[in-house]
N, C-alpha and C. Protein backbone atom coordinates (compact mmCIF):
# COMPACT_ATOMS: atom_id res chain seq x y z
N MET A 1 0.82 -1.23 0.00
CA MET A 1 -0.01 0.02 -0.02
C MET A 1 0.87 1.24 -0.02
N LYS A 2 2.01 1.21 0.72
CA LYS A 2 2.87 2.30 0.81
C LYS A 2 3.56 2.59 -0.55
N LYS A 3 3.91 1.52 -1.28
CA LYS A 3 4.50 1.69 -2.58
C LYS A 3 3.56 2.37 -3.58
N LYS A 4 2.26 2.00 -3.54
CA LYS A 4 1.30 2.62 -4.44
C LYS A 4 1.18 4.12 -4.13
N LEU A 5 1.21 4.47 -2.88
CA LEU A 5 1.13 5.88 -2.50
C LEU A 5 2.36 6.66 -3.00
N ILE A 6 3.50 6.08 -2.81
CA ILE A 6 4.76 6.75 -3.26
C ILE A 6 4.75 6.91 -4.74
N ILE A 7 4.37 5.87 -5.47
CA ILE A 7 4.39 5.90 -6.94
C ILE A 7 3.34 6.93 -7.38
N THR A 8 2.17 6.97 -6.76
CA THR A 8 1.15 7.96 -7.09
C THR A 8 1.69 9.38 -6.88
N LEU A 9 2.32 9.58 -5.72
CA LEU A 9 2.87 10.94 -5.44
C LEU A 9 3.98 11.37 -6.45
N ILE A 10 4.81 10.42 -6.83
CA ILE A 10 5.85 10.68 -7.82
C ILE A 10 5.21 11.05 -9.14
N CYS A 11 4.16 10.32 -9.57
CA CYS A 11 3.52 10.64 -10.84
C CYS A 11 2.88 12.02 -10.79
N ILE A 12 2.22 12.34 -9.67
CA ILE A 12 1.61 13.65 -9.52
C ILE A 12 2.69 14.75 -9.55
N PHE A 13 3.81 14.47 -8.94
CA PHE A 13 4.88 15.45 -8.93
C PHE A 13 5.43 15.68 -10.33
N ILE A 14 5.61 14.62 -11.09
CA ILE A 14 6.09 14.74 -12.49
C ILE A 14 5.12 15.48 -13.37
N VAL A 15 3.83 15.21 -13.26
CA VAL A 15 2.83 15.91 -13.98
C VAL A 15 2.80 17.43 -13.63
N ALA A 16 2.88 17.70 -12.32
CA ALA A 16 2.91 19.11 -11.85
C ALA A 16 4.13 19.82 -12.34
N LEU A 17 5.27 19.16 -12.40
CA LEU A 17 6.52 19.72 -12.87
C LEU A 17 6.40 20.06 -14.37
N ALA A 18 5.85 19.12 -15.12
CA ALA A 18 5.68 19.32 -16.55
C ALA A 18 4.73 20.45 -16.84
N THR A 19 3.59 20.53 -16.06
CA THR A 19 2.65 21.62 -16.22
C THR A 19 3.33 22.94 -15.88
N GLY A 20 4.04 22.98 -14.79
CA GLY A 20 4.70 24.27 -14.41
C GLY A 20 5.71 24.70 -15.41
N PHE A 21 6.45 23.76 -16.00
CA PHE A 21 7.41 24.13 -17.08
C PHE A 21 6.71 24.70 -18.29
N ASP A 22 5.63 24.04 -18.75
CA ASP A 22 4.93 24.55 -19.89
C ASP A 22 4.24 25.91 -19.62
N TYR A 23 3.77 26.10 -18.43
CA TYR A 23 3.16 27.38 -18.07
C TYR A 23 4.22 28.48 -18.12
N TRP A 24 5.43 28.16 -17.52
CA TRP A 24 6.52 29.17 -17.52
C TRP A 24 6.88 29.49 -18.96
N ARG A 25 6.98 28.41 -19.79
CA ARG A 25 7.41 28.61 -21.17
C ARG A 25 6.37 29.44 -21.97
N SER A 26 5.08 29.24 -21.65
CA SER A 26 4.09 30.06 -22.34
C SER A 26 4.15 31.55 -22.03
N LEU A 27 4.62 31.85 -20.82
CA LEU A 27 4.77 33.26 -20.41
C LEU A 27 5.92 33.93 -21.14
N GLN A 28 6.84 33.19 -21.75
CA GLN A 28 8.00 33.73 -22.44
C GLN A 28 7.59 34.26 -23.82
N TYR A 29 6.44 33.80 -24.34
CA TYR A 29 6.00 34.13 -25.71
C TYR A 29 4.85 35.09 -25.65
N SER A 30 4.77 35.95 -26.69
CA SER A 30 3.70 36.91 -26.85
C SER A 30 3.02 36.70 -28.20
N VAL A 31 1.71 36.59 -28.20
CA VAL A 31 0.93 36.51 -29.41
C VAL A 31 0.03 37.72 -29.47
N GLU A 32 0.09 38.44 -30.57
CA GLU A 32 -0.78 39.67 -30.71
C GLU A 32 -1.20 39.84 -32.16
N VAL A 33 -2.41 40.36 -32.30
CA VAL A 33 -2.91 40.70 -33.67
C VAL A 33 -2.43 42.11 -33.95
N THR A 34 -1.70 42.26 -35.05
CA THR A 34 -1.13 43.54 -35.42
C THR A 34 -1.86 44.25 -36.56
N TYR A 35 -2.68 43.46 -37.33
CA TYR A 35 -3.33 44.02 -38.46
C TYR A 35 -4.62 43.25 -38.78
N MET A 36 -5.66 44.04 -39.13
CA MET A 36 -6.92 43.42 -39.54
C MET A 36 -7.64 44.35 -40.52
N ASP A 37 -7.87 43.86 -41.74
CA ASP A 37 -8.47 44.70 -42.77
C ASP A 37 -9.36 43.85 -43.68
N PRO A 38 -10.54 44.26 -44.02
CA PRO A 38 -11.17 45.49 -43.59
C PRO A 38 -11.79 45.39 -42.21
N GLN A 39 -11.96 46.54 -41.59
CA GLN A 39 -12.57 46.60 -40.25
C GLN A 39 -13.46 47.82 -40.25
N PRO A 40 -14.73 47.74 -40.12
CA PRO A 40 -15.56 46.53 -40.07
C PRO A 40 -15.69 45.85 -41.41
N ALA A 41 -16.06 44.60 -41.35
CA ALA A 41 -16.22 43.78 -42.57
C ALA A 41 -17.71 43.47 -42.80
N VAL A 42 -18.01 43.14 -44.03
CA VAL A 42 -19.42 42.86 -44.43
C VAL A 42 -19.65 41.38 -44.24
N ALA A 43 -20.72 40.99 -43.54
CA ALA A 43 -21.05 39.61 -43.31
C ALA A 43 -21.81 39.04 -44.53
N ASP A 44 -21.07 38.89 -45.62
CA ASP A 44 -21.68 38.42 -46.86
C ASP A 44 -21.17 37.06 -47.32
N GLY A 45 -20.31 36.44 -46.52
CA GLY A 45 -19.75 35.13 -46.84
C GLY A 45 -18.70 35.15 -47.93
N GLN A 46 -18.43 36.35 -48.52
CA GLN A 46 -17.47 36.43 -49.64
C GLN A 46 -16.28 37.33 -49.28
N THR A 47 -16.49 38.29 -48.43
CA THR A 47 -15.43 39.22 -48.11
C THR A 47 -14.29 38.48 -47.44
N THR A 48 -13.10 38.77 -47.81
CA THR A 48 -11.91 38.19 -47.12
C THR A 48 -11.30 39.24 -46.22
N VAL A 49 -11.15 38.86 -44.99
CA VAL A 49 -10.55 39.73 -43.94
C VAL A 49 -9.13 39.20 -43.71
N THR A 50 -8.14 40.04 -43.89
CA THR A 50 -6.77 39.67 -43.64
C THR A 50 -6.39 39.98 -42.24
N VAL A 51 -5.90 38.94 -41.51
CA VAL A 51 -5.53 39.12 -40.07
C VAL A 51 -4.05 38.68 -39.94
N LYS A 52 -3.22 39.62 -39.40
CA LYS A 52 -1.83 39.33 -39.21
C LYS A 52 -1.61 39.12 -37.73
N VAL A 53 -0.92 38.05 -37.32
CA VAL A 53 -0.67 37.71 -35.94
C VAL A 53 0.86 37.70 -35.79
N LEU A 54 1.37 38.43 -34.75
CA LEU A 54 2.79 38.45 -34.51
C LEU A 54 3.12 37.62 -33.29
N VAL A 55 4.16 36.79 -33.43
CA VAL A 55 4.64 35.96 -32.26
C VAL A 55 6.04 36.41 -31.95
N SER A 56 6.26 36.72 -30.66
CA SER A 56 7.60 37.08 -30.28
C SER A 56 7.96 36.40 -28.94
N ARG A 57 9.23 36.30 -28.70
CA ARG A 57 9.74 35.76 -27.45
C ARG A 57 10.65 36.81 -26.87
N ASN A 58 10.23 37.31 -25.71
CA ASN A 58 10.96 38.38 -25.04
C ASN A 58 11.27 39.55 -25.99
N GLY A 59 10.29 39.86 -26.85
CA GLY A 59 10.42 41.03 -27.73
C GLY A 59 11.03 40.71 -29.10
N THR A 60 11.54 39.50 -29.32
CA THR A 60 12.16 39.15 -30.57
C THR A 60 11.22 38.26 -31.39
N PRO A 61 10.94 38.62 -32.67
CA PRO A 61 10.02 37.84 -33.51
C PRO A 61 10.53 36.32 -33.59
N VAL A 62 9.59 35.48 -33.62
CA VAL A 62 9.85 34.00 -33.64
C VAL A 62 9.33 33.40 -34.97
N SER A 63 10.19 32.73 -35.71
CA SER A 63 9.77 32.12 -36.97
C SER A 63 9.54 30.63 -36.77
N GLY A 64 8.74 30.04 -37.65
CA GLY A 64 8.53 28.60 -37.68
C GLY A 64 7.54 28.06 -36.66
N HIS A 65 6.81 28.92 -35.94
CA HIS A 65 5.83 28.47 -34.98
C HIS A 65 4.46 28.29 -35.63
N ASN A 66 3.77 27.24 -35.22
CA ASN A 66 2.42 26.97 -35.71
C ASN A 66 1.40 27.77 -34.90
N ILE A 67 0.65 28.62 -35.62
CA ILE A 67 -0.34 29.45 -34.92
C ILE A 67 -1.71 28.86 -35.35
N TYR A 68 -2.55 28.65 -34.41
CA TYR A 68 -3.88 28.08 -34.63
C TYR A 68 -4.91 29.20 -34.43
N GLY A 69 -5.79 29.36 -35.44
CA GLY A 69 -6.79 30.37 -35.35
C GLY A 69 -8.20 29.75 -35.40
N VAL A 70 -9.11 30.30 -34.62
CA VAL A 70 -10.50 29.82 -34.64
C VAL A 70 -11.47 31.00 -34.38
N ALA A 71 -12.61 30.91 -35.02
CA ALA A 71 -13.65 31.93 -34.85
C ALA A 71 -14.95 31.26 -34.45
N PRO A 72 -15.10 30.96 -33.15
CA PRO A 72 -16.27 30.17 -32.70
C PRO A 72 -17.62 30.83 -32.90
N ASP A 73 -17.62 32.18 -33.17
CA ASP A 73 -18.91 32.85 -33.37
C ASP A 73 -19.41 32.76 -34.79
N GLY A 74 -18.65 32.15 -35.70
CA GLY A 74 -19.08 32.03 -37.07
C GLY A 74 -18.08 32.43 -38.07
N GLY A 75 -18.25 31.93 -39.30
CA GLY A 75 -17.29 32.20 -40.34
C GLY A 75 -16.17 31.18 -40.21
N GLY A 76 -15.14 31.35 -41.07
CA GLY A 76 -13.99 30.45 -40.97
C GLY A 76 -12.79 30.97 -41.69
N PHE A 77 -11.67 30.32 -41.35
CA PHE A 77 -10.37 30.66 -41.94
C PHE A 77 -10.09 29.75 -43.16
N GLU A 78 -9.37 30.26 -44.15
CA GLU A 78 -8.92 29.43 -45.26
C GLU A 78 -8.02 28.32 -44.69
N ALA A 79 -7.19 28.64 -43.75
CA ALA A 79 -6.31 27.67 -43.10
C ALA A 79 -6.36 27.96 -41.64
N TYR A 80 -6.60 26.94 -40.83
CA TYR A 80 -6.70 27.17 -39.38
C TYR A 80 -5.34 27.16 -38.69
N ARG A 81 -4.30 26.59 -39.37
CA ARG A 81 -2.95 26.61 -38.85
C ARG A 81 -2.01 27.29 -39.87
N VAL A 82 -1.27 28.23 -39.41
CA VAL A 82 -0.38 28.98 -40.25
C VAL A 82 0.96 29.11 -39.51
N LYS A 83 2.07 28.86 -40.24
CA LYS A 83 3.42 29.04 -39.66
C LYS A 83 3.85 30.46 -39.68
N THR A 84 4.58 30.93 -38.71
CA THR A 84 5.11 32.26 -38.71
C THR A 84 6.33 32.32 -39.66
N ASP A 85 6.47 33.52 -40.31
CA ASP A 85 7.61 33.71 -41.22
C ASP A 85 8.80 34.25 -40.46
N GLU A 86 9.80 34.74 -41.19
CA GLU A 86 11.03 35.24 -40.56
C GLU A 86 10.76 36.48 -39.65
N GLN A 87 9.69 37.23 -39.95
CA GLN A 87 9.38 38.41 -39.13
C GLN A 87 8.49 38.03 -37.96
N GLY A 88 8.21 36.73 -37.79
CA GLY A 88 7.34 36.29 -36.71
C GLY A 88 5.86 36.46 -36.96
N GLU A 89 5.47 36.72 -38.26
CA GLU A 89 4.08 36.98 -38.59
C GLU A 89 3.43 35.73 -39.22
N ALA A 90 2.21 35.52 -38.83
CA ALA A 90 1.35 34.50 -39.46
C ALA A 90 0.17 35.28 -40.07
N VAL A 91 -0.12 35.07 -41.34
CA VAL A 91 -1.20 35.83 -41.99
C VAL A 91 -2.38 34.84 -42.27
N PHE A 92 -3.55 35.21 -41.70
CA PHE A 92 -4.76 34.41 -41.84
C PHE A 92 -5.73 35.14 -42.77
N ALA A 93 -6.45 34.34 -43.53
CA ALA A 93 -7.56 34.85 -44.41
C ALA A 93 -8.85 34.37 -43.77
N TYR A 94 -9.70 35.28 -43.27
CA TYR A 94 -10.99 34.92 -42.63
C TYR A 94 -12.12 35.30 -43.56
N HIS A 95 -13.11 34.46 -43.58
CA HIS A 95 -14.36 34.72 -44.38
C HIS A 95 -15.55 34.71 -43.36
N PRO A 96 -16.18 35.86 -43.23
CA PRO A 96 -17.32 35.95 -42.28
C PRO A 96 -18.52 35.04 -42.81
N TYR A 97 -19.41 34.74 -41.90
CA TYR A 97 -20.60 34.06 -42.27
C TYR A 97 -21.54 34.96 -43.06
N THR A 98 -22.56 34.40 -43.66
CA THR A 98 -23.55 35.25 -44.41
C THR A 98 -24.70 35.61 -43.53
N ALA A 99 -24.81 36.95 -43.29
CA ALA A 99 -25.91 37.45 -42.46
C ALA A 99 -27.21 37.43 -43.28
N ASN A 100 -28.31 37.20 -42.60
CA ASN A 100 -29.59 37.23 -43.25
C ASN A 100 -30.67 37.72 -42.22
N ASN A 101 -31.92 37.57 -42.56
CA ASN A 101 -32.98 38.02 -41.67
C ASN A 101 -33.03 37.16 -40.36
N ILE A 102 -32.59 35.94 -40.44
CA ILE A 102 -32.63 35.12 -39.24
C ILE A 102 -31.36 35.30 -38.40
N ARG A 103 -30.24 35.33 -39.03
CA ARG A 103 -28.96 35.53 -38.33
C ARG A 103 -28.34 36.85 -38.74
N MET A 104 -28.57 37.88 -37.93
CA MET A 104 -28.08 39.16 -38.18
C MET A 104 -26.59 39.24 -37.93
N ALA A 105 -25.92 40.25 -38.56
CA ALA A 105 -24.49 40.45 -38.36
C ALA A 105 -24.23 40.85 -36.93
N LYS A 106 -23.28 40.25 -36.32
CA LYS A 106 -22.80 40.60 -34.98
C LYS A 106 -21.29 40.44 -34.91
N ASP A 107 -20.70 41.09 -33.94
CA ASP A 107 -19.22 41.04 -33.81
C ASP A 107 -18.80 39.58 -33.59
N VAL A 108 -17.63 39.27 -34.16
CA VAL A 108 -17.09 37.93 -34.15
C VAL A 108 -15.78 37.95 -33.39
N GLU A 109 -15.63 37.05 -32.39
CA GLU A 109 -14.36 36.96 -31.66
C GLU A 109 -13.51 35.92 -32.35
N MET A 110 -12.24 36.25 -32.57
CA MET A 110 -11.29 35.31 -33.16
C MET A 110 -10.22 35.05 -32.09
N ALA A 111 -9.79 33.83 -31.91
CA ALA A 111 -8.79 33.45 -30.97
C ALA A 111 -7.60 32.84 -31.70
N PHE A 112 -6.38 33.15 -31.23
CA PHE A 112 -5.17 32.66 -31.86
C PHE A 112 -4.27 32.07 -30.75
N ALA A 113 -3.65 30.92 -30.97
CA ALA A 113 -2.83 30.28 -30.02
C ALA A 113 -1.51 29.77 -30.70
N ASP A 114 -0.40 29.94 -30.00
CA ASP A 114 0.91 29.47 -30.49
C ASP A 114 1.03 28.01 -29.98
N GLN A 115 0.84 27.05 -30.88
CA GLN A 115 0.92 25.67 -30.51
C GLN A 115 2.29 25.08 -30.49
N SER A 116 3.35 25.89 -30.82
CA SER A 116 4.69 25.40 -30.86
C SER A 116 5.49 25.65 -29.60
N ASN A 117 4.96 26.39 -28.67
CA ASN A 117 5.76 26.71 -27.45
C ASN A 117 5.56 25.73 -26.33
N SER A 118 4.57 24.83 -26.43
CA SER A 118 4.31 23.87 -25.36
C SER A 118 5.11 22.62 -25.63
N VAL A 119 5.65 22.04 -24.57
CA VAL A 119 6.48 20.81 -24.69
C VAL A 119 5.75 19.62 -24.21
N PHE A 120 5.18 19.65 -22.98
CA PHE A 120 4.58 18.49 -22.41
C PHE A 120 3.09 18.49 -22.44
N ILE A 121 2.50 19.56 -21.99
CA ILE A 121 1.06 19.71 -21.86
C ILE A 121 0.66 20.94 -22.66
N GLU A 122 -0.53 20.96 -23.30
CA GLU A 122 -0.96 22.09 -24.11
C GLU A 122 -1.29 23.31 -23.29
N ILE A 123 -0.30 24.10 -22.94
CA ILE A 123 -0.48 25.37 -22.32
C ILE A 123 0.18 26.40 -23.29
N ASN A 124 -0.67 27.07 -24.05
CA ASN A 124 -0.21 27.93 -25.12
C ASN A 124 -0.32 29.41 -24.83
N ALA A 125 0.63 30.15 -25.43
CA ALA A 125 0.45 31.62 -25.46
C ALA A 125 -0.64 31.90 -26.40
N LYS A 126 -1.54 32.81 -26.05
CA LYS A 126 -2.71 33.05 -26.91
C LYS A 126 -3.19 34.47 -26.79
N THR A 127 -4.07 34.84 -27.72
CA THR A 127 -4.73 36.15 -27.73
C THR A 127 -6.05 36.02 -28.43
N SER A 128 -6.86 37.03 -28.32
CA SER A 128 -8.14 37.06 -29.03
C SER A 128 -8.39 38.53 -29.49
N VAL A 129 -9.25 38.66 -30.49
CA VAL A 129 -9.60 39.94 -31.07
C VAL A 129 -11.03 39.91 -31.54
N THR A 130 -11.68 41.03 -31.53
CA THR A 130 -13.05 41.12 -32.03
C THR A 130 -13.11 41.84 -33.32
N LEU A 131 -13.81 41.17 -34.33
CA LEU A 131 -14.00 41.79 -35.61
C LEU A 131 -15.44 42.29 -35.73
N LYS A 132 -15.65 43.55 -36.04
CA LYS A 132 -16.99 44.11 -36.21
C LYS A 132 -17.49 43.71 -37.58
N LEU A 133 -18.73 43.17 -37.61
CA LEU A 133 -19.33 42.84 -38.87
C LEU A 133 -20.59 43.71 -39.10
N THR A 134 -20.85 44.02 -40.35
CA THR A 134 -22.05 44.79 -40.72
C THR A 134 -22.91 43.94 -41.62
N ASP A 135 -24.21 44.26 -41.64
CA ASP A 135 -25.15 43.55 -42.48
C ASP A 135 -24.91 43.87 -43.92
N PRO A 136 -25.02 42.90 -44.87
CA PRO A 136 -24.90 43.21 -46.26
C PRO A 136 -26.16 43.87 -46.78
N ASP A 137 -26.05 44.61 -47.82
CA ASP A 137 -27.22 45.21 -48.47
C ASP A 137 -27.87 44.06 -49.25
N PRO A 138 -29.10 43.62 -48.84
CA PRO A 138 -29.72 42.46 -49.53
C PRO A 138 -30.08 42.70 -50.98
N ALA A 139 -30.29 43.93 -51.36
CA ALA A 139 -30.70 44.23 -52.77
C ALA A 139 -29.50 44.68 -53.59
N GLY A 140 -28.30 44.46 -53.15
CA GLY A 140 -27.16 44.96 -53.87
C GLY A 140 -26.86 46.40 -53.59
N LYS A 141 -26.48 47.19 -54.54
CA LYS A 141 -26.23 48.60 -54.34
C LYS A 141 -27.51 49.33 -54.07
N LYS A 142 -27.54 50.11 -53.00
CA LYS A 142 -28.71 50.92 -52.71
C LYS A 142 -28.85 52.02 -53.77
N SER A 143 -30.08 52.29 -54.10
CA SER A 143 -30.36 53.33 -55.11
C SER A 143 -30.25 54.67 -54.48
N ASP A 144 -29.84 55.65 -55.26
CA ASP A 144 -29.79 57.05 -54.79
C ASP A 144 -31.18 57.70 -54.92
N TYR A 145 -32.17 57.00 -55.47
CA TYR A 145 -33.47 57.55 -55.70
C TYR A 145 -34.49 56.87 -54.77
N SER A 146 -35.50 57.64 -54.39
CA SER A 146 -36.62 57.05 -53.54
C SER A 146 -37.76 56.67 -54.48
N MET A 147 -38.71 55.92 -54.02
CA MET A 147 -39.87 55.50 -54.78
C MET A 147 -40.69 56.77 -55.18
N ASP A 148 -40.72 57.79 -54.30
CA ASP A 148 -41.49 58.98 -54.62
C ASP A 148 -40.83 59.75 -55.80
N GLN A 149 -39.53 59.71 -55.82
CA GLN A 149 -38.83 60.36 -56.95
C GLN A 149 -39.04 59.63 -58.25
N ILE A 150 -39.17 58.33 -58.23
CA ILE A 150 -39.39 57.55 -59.45
C ILE A 150 -40.81 57.64 -59.93
N PHE A 151 -41.77 57.43 -59.03
CA PHE A 151 -43.21 57.44 -59.43
C PHE A 151 -43.94 58.73 -59.15
N GLY A 152 -43.30 59.69 -58.57
CA GLY A 152 -43.94 60.90 -58.22
C GLY A 152 -44.61 60.76 -56.84
N ASP A 153 -44.82 61.83 -56.12
CA ASP A 153 -45.40 61.74 -54.80
C ASP A 153 -46.84 62.27 -54.80
N GLU A 154 -47.75 61.52 -55.38
CA GLU A 154 -49.14 61.87 -55.48
C GLU A 154 -49.92 61.37 -54.30
């Protein structure tokens, strides 16, 4: 019985040590959104929003890290995982959902996580940003004329 307790405590200690190391390592990295265009975007399902994410370690850009992006409020990325380049940037292409009478346009939160900085347990450096969405014009381009101007106001 005493051996089982000692082995259990050793296993708990090893897991706690690995967790602590990954947590400390995640604090060394910074993930931030540096660019987002267009802002606000049209929720038409076709507009492409370019999002640039910068990863740095102690202020120095980091290349070759896998950045994972997700938009749980709707829409999607062309690629959910993008590697950082030599400048530490990962460029994502986001496509908003299509707003309609049932699902109106609302702000979308996007989350980004550096999946390359964790060694033992998934404790990642991460950030999130909110993209403002506007409703598309359902009839295409709005006319500069009113119905009264076209048919007269009798």
